[in-house]
Amino acid sequence: MSTFEAWRAHSDDRPDADISADFSDTLSVYYRLAEEYMRLRQKDFTETVRKKRVLYHIADSAS
């Protein structure tokens, strides 16, 4: 997350120079961008996580 926030200073979504990094703000921006990424690629997050659990042999708590 700290790397994401550091690079954010050079993005279109950069915070004001006089505002220090805030963890909740960083997570909010990351969430928005991740949601957009998944939408554009027509991916379902829940399904992606399910596949990773199978891949890594992690028990699904819903089973």
Protein backbone atom coordinates (compact mmCIF):
# COMPACT_ATOMS: atom_id res chain seq x y z
CA MET A 1 0.00 0.00 0.00
CA SER A 2 2.81 2.42 0.77
CA THR A 3 4.25 1.90 -2.73
CA PHE A 4 0.82 2.52 -4.25
CA GLU A 5 0.50 5.75 -2.27
CA ALA A 6 4.03 6.85 -3.19
CA TRP A 7 3.30 6.44 -6.91
CA ARG A 8 -0.06 8.14 -6.54
CA ALA A 9 1.80 11.44 -6.23
CA HIS A 10 2.43 11.17 -9.98
CA SER A 11 -1.09 10.18 -11.03
CA ASP A 12 -4.19 12.09 -12.06
CA ASP A 13 -5.61 11.28 -8.62
CA ARG A 14 -2.73 12.76 -6.64
CA PRO A 15 -3.50 14.36 -3.28
CA ASP A 16 -2.66 17.98 -2.57
CA ALA A 17 1.04 18.50 -1.82
CA ASP A 18 0.34 19.85 1.67
CA ILE A 19 -1.77 16.82 2.69
CA SER A 20 0.05 13.90 4.29
CA ALA A 21 -0.68 10.31 3.31
CA ASP A 22 -3.74 8.83 4.99
CA PHE A 23 -4.26 5.05 5.06
CA SER A 24 -8.06 5.20 4.71
CA ASP A 25 -7.80 7.57 1.75
CA THR A 26 -5.23 5.29 0.10
CA LEU A 27 -7.53 2.27 0.54
CA SER A 28 -10.49 4.21 -0.86
CA VAL A 29 -8.56 5.14 -3.99
CA TYR A 30 -7.23 1.59 -4.39
CA TYR A 31 -10.75 0.17 -3.97
CA ARG A 32 -12.17 2.49 -6.62
CA LEU A 33 -9.41 1.64 -9.09
CA ALA A 34 -9.66 -2.10 -8.41
CA GLU A 35 -13.42 -2.01 -8.89
CA GLU A 36 -12.98 -0.22 -12.21
CA TYR A 37 -10.30 -2.73 -13.28
CA MET A 38 -12.60 -5.68 -12.53
CA ARG A 39 -15.54 -4.02 -14.31
CA LEU A 40 -13.55 -3.21 -17.45
CA ARG A 41 -12.25 -6.77 -17.65
CA GLN A 42 -15.68 -8.21 -16.84
CA LYS A 43 -14.30 -10.15 -13.89
CA ASP A 44 -16.22 -11.17 -10.80
CA PHE A 45 -14.18 -10.70 -7.62
CA THR A 46 -16.00 -13.44 -5.71
CA GLU A 47 -15.39 -15.93 -8.51
CA THR A 48 -11.73 -14.90 -8.76
CA VAL A 49 -11.25 -15.48 -5.02
CA ARG A 50 -13.00 -18.86 -5.24
CA LYS A 51 -10.62 -19.95 -8.03
CA LYS A 52 -7.59 -18.82 -5.99
CA ARG A 53 -8.82 -20.82 -2.99
CA VAL A 54 -9.00 -23.93 -5.18
CA LEU A 55 -5.60 -23.18 -6.71
CA TYR A 56 -3.95 -22.74 -3.30
CA HIS A 57 -5.91 -25.59 -1.64
CA ILE A 58 -7.54 -23.24 0.87
CA ALA A 59 -10.75 -24.58 2.36
CA ASP A 60 -13.83 -22.58 1.47
CA SER A 61 -15.66 -21.66 4.68
CA ALA A 62 -18.97 -21.78 2.82
CA SER A 63 -18.64 -25.51 2.02
